[in-house]
Amino acid sequence: MLGEDHSLINEFPKYKALIFQLCKSDQTFAEDCKDYNTHDKEIRELELNNEPITDQAMHQLKHVRGILKDSLYQRLIQAKNSA
């Protein structure tokens, strides 16, 4: 769906507290989380505002967001299992 919110907390609501904790304690996680949310916001705005962008450019934005999401999720699982 166009304009759907894929923010990290929206994607993984059961990890909300852990996301906040890692954003405070792990600088790399915090930076990647910020980058992920920035990509998500950019994609959402482009879709909602019907901004001119090539399919290839949109695909690249979504690809980067997907890679970040997978990486962040793996780190969430790792942190959860380490607790």
PDB file of N, CA and C in Angstrom:
ATOM      1  N   MET A   1       0.827  -1.184   0.000  1.00  0.00           N
ATOM      2  CA  MET A   1       0.000   0.000   0.000  1.00  0.00           C
ATOM      3  C   MET A   1       0.872   1.249   0.000  1.00  0.00           C
ATOM      4  N   LEU A   2       0.397   2.240  -0.684  1.00  0.00           N
ATOM      5  CA  LEU A   2       1.132   3.490  -0.733  1.00  0.00           C
ATOM      6  C   LEU A   2       1.006   4.244   0.582  1.00  0.00           C
ATOM      7  N   GLY A   3       2.103   4.823   1.018  1.00  0.00           N
ATOM      8  CA  GLY A   3       2.087   5.666   2.204  1.00  0.00           C
ATOM      9  C   GLY A   3       2.025   4.923   3.519  1.00  0.00           C
ATOM     10  N   GLU A   4       2.212   3.628   3.488  1.00  0.00           N
ATOM     11  CA  GLU A   4       2.141   2.828   4.706  1.00  0.00           C
ATOM     12  C   GLU A   4       3.361   3.092   5.597  1.00  0.00           C
ATOM     13  N   ASP A   5       3.112   3.206   6.896  1.00  0.00           N
ATOM     14  CA  ASP A   5       4.171   3.473   7.874  1.00  0.00           C
ATOM     15  C   ASP A   5       4.926   2.182   8.184  1.00  0.00           C
ATOM     16  N   HIS A   6       6.192   2.153   7.796  1.00  0.00           N
ATOM     17  CA  HIS A   6       7.038   1.002   8.067  1.00  0.00           C
ATOM     18  C   HIS A   6       8.125   1.352   9.092  1.00  0.00           C
ATOM     19  N   SER A   7       7.861   2.345   9.945  1.00  0.00           N
ATOM     20  CA  SER A   7       8.857   2.692  10.953  1.00  0.00           C
ATOM     21  C   SER A   7       9.189   1.455  11.772  1.00  0.00           C
ATOM     22  N   LEU A   8      10.364   1.411  12.336  1.00  0.00           N
ATOM     23  CA  LEU A   8      10.841   0.222  13.040  1.00  0.00           C
ATOM     24  C   LEU A   8       9.905  -0.173  14.173  1.00  0.00           C
ATOM     25  N   ILE A   9       9.415   0.784  14.913  1.00  0.00           N
ATOM     26  CA  ILE A   9       8.509   0.483  16.030  1.00  0.00           C
ATOM     27  C   ILE A   9       7.169  -0.039  15.504  1.00  0.00           C
ATOM     28  N   ASN A  10       6.732   0.472  14.377  1.00  0.00           N
ATOM     29  CA  ASN A  10       5.495  -0.014  13.777  1.00  0.00           C
ATOM     30  C   ASN A  10       5.673  -1.435  13.229  1.00  0.00           C
ATOM     31  N   GLU A  11       6.845  -1.735  12.709  1.00  0.00           N
ATOM     32  CA  GLU A  11       7.119  -3.058  12.158  1.00  0.00           C
ATOM     33  C   GLU A  11       7.303  -4.112  13.258  1.00  0.00           C
ATOM     34  N   PHE A  12       7.905  -3.716  14.371  1.00  0.00           N
ATOM     35  CA  PHE A  12       8.201  -4.650  15.461  1.00  0.00           C
ATOM     36  C   PHE A  12       7.693  -4.114  16.800  1.00  0.00           C
ATOM     37  N   PRO A  13       6.377  -3.984  16.963  1.00  0.00           N
ATOM     38  CA  PRO A  13       5.842  -3.361  18.176  1.00  0.00           C
ATOM     39  C   PRO A  13       6.206  -4.105  19.467  1.00  0.00           C
ATOM     40  N   LYS A  14       6.386  -5.417  19.403  1.00  0.00           N
ATOM     41  CA  LYS A  14       6.715  -6.146  20.632  1.00  0.00           C
ATOM     42  C   LYS A  14       8.153  -5.881  21.081  1.00  0.00           C
ATOM     43  N   TYR A  15       8.953  -5.264  20.223  1.00  0.00           N
ATOM     44  CA  TYR A  15      10.331  -4.927  20.573  1.00  0.00           C
ATOM     45  C   TYR A  15      10.512  -3.437  20.870  1.00  0.00           C
ATOM     46  N   LYS A  16       9.413  -2.733  21.060  1.00  0.00           N
ATOM     47  CA  LYS A  16       9.464  -1.276  21.261  1.00  0.00           C
ATOM     48  C   LYS A  16      10.434  -0.890  22.382  1.00  0.00           C
ATOM     49  N   ALA A  17      10.308  -1.500  23.542  1.00  0.00           N
ATOM     50  CA  ALA A  17      11.180  -1.159  24.675  1.00  0.00           C
ATOM     51  C   ALA A  17      12.632  -1.474  24.353  1.00  0.00           C
ATOM     52  N   LEU A  18      12.867  -2.607  23.700  1.00  0.00           N
ATOM     53  CA  LEU A  18      14.233  -2.991  23.343  1.00  0.00           C
ATOM     54  C   LEU A  18      14.819  -2.042  22.303  1.00  0.00           C
ATOM     55  N   ILE A  19      13.997  -1.601  21.365  1.00  0.00           N
ATOM     56  CA  ILE A  19      14.461  -0.634  20.366  1.00  0.00           C
ATOM     57  C   ILE A  19      14.919   0.647  21.057  1.00  0.00           C
ATOM     58  N   PHE A  20      14.101   1.158  21.987  1.00  0.00           N
ATOM     59  CA  PHE A  20      14.485   2.369  22.716  1.00  0.00           C
ATOM     60  C   PHE A  20      15.755   2.151  23.530  1.00  0.00           C
ATOM     61  N   GLN A  21      15.844   0.995  24.168  1.00  0.00           N
ATOM     62  CA  GLN A  21      17.019   0.679  24.982  1.00  0.00           C
ATOM     63  C   GLN A  21      18.279   0.634  24.115  1.00  0.00           C
ATOM     64  N   LEU A  22      18.206  -0.061  22.985  1.00  0.00           N
ATOM     65  CA  LEU A  22      19.375  -0.166  22.106  1.00  0.00           C
ATOM     66  C   LEU A  22      19.741   1.179  21.473  1.00  0.00           C
ATOM     67  N   CYS A  23      18.741   1.997  21.199  1.00  0.00           N
ATOM     68  CA  CYS A  23      19.034   3.324  20.646  1.00  0.00           C
ATOM     69  C   CYS A  23      19.809   4.187  21.646  1.00  0.00           C
ATOM     70  N   LYS A  24      19.596   3.930  22.928  1.00  0.00           N
ATOM     71  CA  LYS A  24      20.320   4.673  23.964  1.00  0.00           C
ATOM     72  C   LYS A  24      21.696   4.084  24.251  1.00  0.00           C
ATOM     73  N   SER A  25      21.816   2.768  24.135  1.00  0.00           N
ATOM     74  CA  SER A  25      23.051   2.114  24.572  1.00  0.00           C
ATOM     75  C   SER A  25      23.990   1.710  23.436  1.00  0.00           C
ATOM     76  N   ASP A  26      23.502   1.666  22.217  1.00  0.00           N
ATOM     77  CA  ASP A  26      24.308   1.187  21.086  1.00  0.00           C
ATOM     78  C   ASP A  26      24.268   2.236  19.972  1.00  0.00           C
ATOM     79  N   GLN A  27      25.357   2.956  19.827  1.00  0.00           N
ATOM     80  CA  GLN A  27      25.401   4.062  18.871  1.00  0.00           C
ATOM     81  C   GLN A  27      25.188   3.579  17.438  1.00  0.00           C
ATOM     82  N   THR A  28      25.752   2.444  17.079  1.00  0.00           N
ATOM     83  CA  THR A  28      25.599   1.919  15.732  1.00  0.00           C
ATOM     84  C   THR A  28      24.143   1.548  15.464  1.00  0.00           C
ATOM     85  N   PHE A  29      23.508   0.902  16.431  1.00  0.00           N
ATOM     86  CA  PHE A  29      22.088   0.561  16.288  1.00  0.00           C
ATOM     87  C   PHE A  29      21.277   1.841  16.132  1.00  0.00           C
ATOM     88  N   ALA A  30      21.560   2.832  16.949  1.00  0.00           N
ATOM     89  CA  ALA A  30      20.819   4.102  16.900  1.00  0.00           C
ATOM     90  C   ALA A  30      20.976   4.772  15.534  1.00  0.00           C
ATOM     91  N   GLU A  31      22.185   4.774  15.005  1.00  0.00           N
ATOM     92  CA  GLU A  31      22.424   5.393  13.695  1.00  0.00           C
ATOM     93  C   GLU A  31      21.705   4.632  12.585  1.00  0.00           C
ATOM     94  N   ASP A  32      21.759   3.297  12.653  1.00  0.00           N
ATOM     95  CA  ASP A  32      21.083   2.491  11.643  1.00  0.00           C
ATOM     96  C   ASP A  32      19.571   2.630  11.751  1.00  0.00           C
ATOM     97  N   CYS A  33      19.067   2.727  12.963  1.00  0.00           N
ATOM     98  CA  CYS A  33      17.633   2.919  13.186  1.00  0.00           C
ATOM     99  C   CYS A  33      17.198   4.269  12.609  1.00  0.00           C
ATOM    100  N   LYS A  34      17.985   5.281  12.846  1.00  0.00           N
ATOM    101  CA  LYS A  34      17.677   6.611  12.314  1.00  0.00           C
ATOM    102  C   LYS A  34      17.707   6.578  10.781  1.00  0.00           C
ATOM    103  N   ASP A  35      18.704   5.915  10.220  1.00  0.00           N
ATOM    104  CA  ASP A  35      18.825   5.798   8.766  1.00  0.00           C
ATOM    105  C   ASP A  35      17.624   5.040   8.186  1.00  0.00           C
ATOM    106  N   TYR A  36      17.240   3.952   8.840  1.00  0.00           N
ATOM    107  CA  TYR A  36      16.081   3.175   8.409  1.00  0.00           C
ATOM    108  C   TYR A  36      14.822   4.045   8.404  1.00  0.00           C
ATOM    109  N   ASN A  37      14.579   4.744   9.506  1.00  0.00           N
ATOM    110  CA  ASN A  37      13.379   5.578   9.619  1.00  0.00           C
ATOM    111  C   ASN A  37      13.407   6.745   8.634  1.00  0.00           C
ATOM    112  N   THR A  38      14.585   7.267   8.345  1.00  0.00           N
ATOM    113  CA  THR A  38      14.714   8.331   7.347  1.00  0.00           C
ATOM    114  C   THR A  38      14.345   7.806   5.965  1.00  0.00           C
ATOM    115  N   HIS A  39      14.852   6.614   5.620  1.00  0.00           N
ATOM    116  CA  HIS A  39      14.500   6.005   4.337  1.00  0.00           C
ATOM    117  C   HIS A  39      12.991   5.750   4.261  1.00  0.00           C
ATOM    118  N   ASP A  40      12.426   5.230   5.330  1.00  0.00           N
ATOM    119  CA  ASP A  40      10.996   4.945   5.343  1.00  0.00           C
ATOM    120  C   ASP A  40      10.182   6.222   5.136  1.00  0.00           C
ATOM    121  N   LYS A  41      10.562   7.272   5.830  1.00  0.00           N
ATOM    122  CA  LYS A  41       9.846   8.544   5.705  1.00  0.00           C
ATOM    123  C   LYS A  41       9.962   9.095   4.281  1.00  0.00           C
ATOM    124  N   GLU A  42      11.150   9.010   3.706  1.00  0.00           N
ATOM    125  CA  GLU A  42      11.356   9.501   2.343  1.00  0.00           C
ATOM    126  C   GLU A  42      10.484   8.725   1.348  1.00  0.00           C
ATOM    127  N   ILE A  43      10.454   7.414   1.488  1.00  0.00           N
ATOM    128  CA  ILE A  43       9.635   6.578   0.609  1.00  0.00           C
ATOM    129  C   ILE A  43       8.159   6.940   0.755  1.00  0.00           C
ATOM    130  N   ARG A  44       7.710   7.053   1.998  1.00  0.00           N
ATOM    131  CA  ARG A  44       6.304   7.371   2.267  1.00  0.00           C
ATOM    132  C   ARG A  44       5.934   8.725   1.656  1.00  0.00           C
ATOM    133  N   GLU A  45       6.787   9.726   1.844  1.00  0.00           N
ATOM    134  CA  GLU A  45       6.497  11.057   1.294  1.00  0.00           C
ATOM    135  C   GLU A  45       6.479  11.049  -0.227  1.00  0.00           C
ATOM    136  N   LEU A  46       7.413  10.329  -0.829  1.00  0.00           N
ATOM    137  CA  LEU A  46       7.425  10.237  -2.290  1.00  0.00           C
ATOM    138  C   LEU A  46       6.141   9.592  -2.805  1.00  0.00           C
ATOM    139  N   GLU A  47       5.697   8.544  -2.116  1.00  0.00           N
ATOM    140  CA  GLU A  47       4.468   7.860  -2.534  1.00  0.00           C
ATOM    141  C   GLU A  47       3.240   8.743  -2.335  1.00  0.00           C
ATOM    142  N   LEU A  48       3.132   9.370  -1.186  1.00  0.00           N
ATOM    143  CA  LEU A  48       1.945  10.170  -0.876  1.00  0.00           C
ATOM    144  C   LEU A  48       1.853  11.443  -1.701  1.00  0.00           C
ATOM    145  N   ASN A  49       3.010  12.041  -1.991  1.00  0.00           N
ATOM    146  CA  ASN A  49       3.021  13.289  -2.750  1.00  0.00           C
ATOM    147  C   ASN A  49       3.128  13.051  -4.247  1.00  0.00           C
ATOM    148  N   ASN A  50       3.155  11.776  -4.629  1.00  0.00           N
ATOM    149  CA  ASN A  50       3.276  11.413  -6.036  1.00  0.00           C
ATOM    150  C   ASN A  50       4.433  12.146  -6.705  1.00  0.00           C
ATOM    151  N   GLU A  51       5.555  12.190  -5.986  1.00  0.00           N
ATOM    152  CA  GLU A  51       6.749  12.870  -6.476  1.00  0.00           C
ATOM    153  C   GLU A  51       7.332  12.117  -7.670  1.00  0.00           C
ATOM    154  N   PRO A  52       7.886  12.847  -8.616  1.00  0.00           N
ATOM    155  CA  PRO A  52       8.503  12.169  -9.759  1.00  0.00           C
ATOM    156  C   PRO A  52       9.803  11.469  -9.336  1.00  0.00           C
ATOM    157  N   ILE A  53       9.838  10.169  -9.534  1.00  0.00           N
ATOM    158  CA  ILE A  53      11.020   9.366  -9.217  1.00  0.00           C
ATOM    159  C   ILE A  53      10.959   8.140 -10.124  1.00  0.00           C
ATOM    160  N   THR A  54      12.092   7.715 -10.573  1.00  0.00           N
ATOM    161  CA  THR A  54      12.099   6.536 -11.437  1.00  0.00           C
ATOM    162  C   THR A  54      11.809   5.281 -10.616  1.00  0.00           C
ATOM    163  N   ASP A  55      11.322   4.274 -11.290  1.00  0.00           N
ATOM    164  CA  ASP A  55      11.073   2.997 -10.616  1.00  0.00           C
ATOM    165  C   ASP A  55      12.367   2.440 -10.037  1.00  0.00           C
ATOM    166  N   GLN A  56      13.441   2.611 -10.775  1.00  0.00           N
ATOM    167  CA  GLN A  56      14.736   2.112 -10.312  1.00  0.00           C
ATOM    168  C   GLN A  56      15.181   2.829  -9.034  1.00  0.00           C
ATOM    169  N   ALA A  57      14.982   4.129  -8.963  1.00  0.00           N
ATOM    170  CA  ALA A  57      15.363   4.894  -7.767  1.00  0.00           C
ATOM    171  C   ALA A  57      14.495   4.484  -6.573  1.00  0.00           C
ATOM    172  N   MET A  58      13.199   4.289  -6.806  1.00  0.00           N
ATOM    173  CA  MET A  58      12.310   3.857  -5.728  1.00  0.00           C
ATOM    174  C   MET A  58      12.694   2.445  -5.266  1.00  0.00           C
ATOM    175  N   HIS A  59      12.979   1.580  -6.217  1.00  0.00           N
ATOM    176  CA  HIS A  59      13.399   0.219  -5.874  1.00  0.00           C
ATOM    177  C   HIS A  59      14.663   0.257  -5.021  1.00  0.00           C
ATOM    178  N   GLN A  60      15.605   1.120  -5.366  1.00  0.00           N
ATOM    179  CA  GLN A  60      16.857   1.227  -4.604  1.00  0.00           C
ATOM    180  C   GLN A  60      16.593   1.702  -3.175  1.00  0.00           C
ATOM    181  N   LEU A  61      15.719   2.694  -3.015  1.00  0.00           N
ATOM    182  CA  LEU A  61      15.369   3.168  -1.672  1.00  0.00           C
ATOM    183  C   LEU A  61      14.747   2.043  -0.848  1.00  0.00           C
ATOM    184  N   LYS A  62      13.834   1.303  -1.450  1.00  0.00           N
ATOM    185  CA  LYS A  62      13.178   0.214  -0.736  1.00  0.00           C
ATOM    186  C   LYS A  62      14.147  -0.929  -0.449  1.00  0.00           C
ATOM    187  N   HIS A  63      15.085  -1.156  -1.348  1.00  0.00           N
ATOM    188  CA  HIS A  63      16.095  -2.195  -1.139  1.00  0.00           C
ATOM    189  C   HIS A  63      16.974  -1.855   0.066  1.00  0.00           C
ATOM    190  N   VAL A  64      17.430  -0.628   0.132  1.00  0.00           N
ATOM    191  CA  VAL A  64      18.257  -0.190   1.263  1.00  0.00           C
ATOM    192  C   VAL A  64      17.460  -0.292   2.561  1.00  0.00           C
ATOM    193  N   ARG A  65      16.210   0.140   2.532  1.00  0.00           N
ATOM    194  CA  ARG A  65      15.360   0.035   3.721  1.00  0.00           C
ATOM    195  C   ARG A  65      15.227  -1.425   4.157  1.00  0.00           C
ATOM    196  N   GLY A  66      15.057  -2.321   3.208  1.00  0.00           N
ATOM    197  CA  GLY A  66      14.935  -3.744   3.522  1.00  0.00           C
ATOM    198  C   GLY A  66      16.198  -4.324   4.139  1.00  0.00           C
ATOM    199  N   ILE A  67      17.333  -3.947   3.611  1.00  0.00           N
ATOM    200  CA  ILE A  67      18.613  -4.421   4.164  1.00  0.00           C
ATOM    201  C   ILE A  67      18.780  -3.917   5.595  1.00  0.00           C
ATOM    202  N   LEU A  68      18.480  -2.640   5.812  1.00  0.00           N
ATOM    203  CA  LEU A  68      18.573  -2.077   7.168  1.00  0.00           C
ATOM    204  C   LEU A  68      17.597  -2.769   8.113  1.00  0.00           C
ATOM    205  N   LYS A  69      16.384  -3.011   7.647  1.00  0.00           N
ATOM    206  CA  LYS A  69      15.371  -3.661   8.478  1.00  0.00           C
ATOM    207  C   LYS A  69      15.837  -5.050   8.896  1.00  0.00           C
ATOM    208  N   ASP A  70      16.365  -5.821   7.956  1.00  0.00           N
ATOM    209  CA  ASP A  70      16.856  -7.166   8.272  1.00  0.00           C
ATOM    210  C   ASP A  70      17.984  -7.120   9.288  1.00  0.00           C
ATOM    211  N   SER A  71      18.906  -6.205   9.088  1.00  0.00           N
ATOM    212  CA  SER A  71      20.041  -6.069  10.001  1.00  0.00           C
ATOM    213  C   SER A  71      19.586  -5.665  11.403  1.00  0.00           C
ATOM    214  N   LEU A  72      18.697  -4.699  11.468  1.00  0.00           N
ATOM    215  CA  LEU A  72      18.191  -4.248  12.768  1.00  0.00           C
ATOM    216  C   LEU A  72      17.413  -5.355  13.464  1.00  0.00           C
ATOM    217  N   TYR A  73      16.626  -6.104  12.712  1.00  0.00           N
ATOM    218  CA  TYR A  73      15.862  -7.198  13.299  1.00  0.00           C
ATOM    219  C   TYR A  73      16.798  -8.266  13.869  1.00  0.00           C
ATOM    220  N   GLN A  74      17.830  -8.604  13.132  1.00  0.00           N
ATOM    221  CA  GLN A  74      18.791  -9.596  13.623  1.00  0.00           C
ATOM    222  C   GLN A  74      19.437  -9.124  14.925  1.00  0.00           C
ATOM    223  N   ARG A  75      19.748  -7.837  14.996  1.00  0.00           N
ATOM    224  CA  ARG A  75      20.348  -7.302  16.231  1.00  0.00           C
ATOM    225  C   ARG A  75      19.342  -7.265  17.372  1.00  0.00           C
ATOM    226  N   LEU A  76      18.069  -7.047  17.074  1.00  0.00           N
ATOM    227  CA  LEU A  76      17.033  -7.109  18.109  1.00  0.00           C
ATOM    228  C   LEU A  76      16.934  -8.533  18.666  1.00  0.00           C
ATOM    229  N   ILE A  77      16.913  -9.509  17.788  1.00  0.00           N
ATOM    230  CA  ILE A  77      16.825 -10.914  18.222  1.00  0.00           C
ATOM    231  C   ILE A  77      18.055 -11.287  19.053  1.00  0.00           C
ATOM    232  N   GLN A  78      19.213 -10.862  18.602  1.00  0.00           N
ATOM    233  CA  GLN A  78      20.464 -11.134  19.307  1.00  0.00           C
ATOM    234  C   GLN A  78      20.429 -10.515  20.705  1.00  0.00           C
ATOM    235  N   ALA A  79      19.998  -9.269  20.783  1.00  0.00           N
ATOM    236  CA  ALA A  79      19.928  -8.579  22.095  1.00  0.00           C
ATOM    237  C   ALA A  79      18.901  -9.241  23.004  1.00  0.00           C
ATOM    238  N   LYS A  80      17.776  -9.641  22.439  1.00  0.00           N
ATOM    239  CA  LYS A  80      16.735 -10.309  23.226  1.00  0.00           C
ATOM    240  C   LYS A  80      17.251 -11.630  23.780  1.00  0.00           C
ATOM    241  N   ASN A  81      17.956 -12.390  22.971  1.00  0.00           N
ATOM    242  CA  ASN A  81      18.484 -13.689  23.394  1.00  0.00           C
ATOM    243  C   ASN A  81      19.643 -13.558  24.377  1.00  0.00           C
ATOM    244  N   SER A  82      20.311 -12.415  24.367  1.00  0.00           N
ATOM    245  CA  SER A  82      21.436 -12.186  25.275  1.00  0.00           C
ATOM    246  C   SER A  82      20.968 -11.725  26.664  1.00  0.00           C
ATOM    247  N   ALA A  83      19.735 -11.249  26.720  1.00  0.00           N
ATOM    248  CA  ALA A  83      19.204 -10.701  27.989  1.00  0.00           C
ATOM    249  C   ALA A  83      18.843 -11.781  28.964  1.00  0.00           C
TER     250      ALA A  83
END
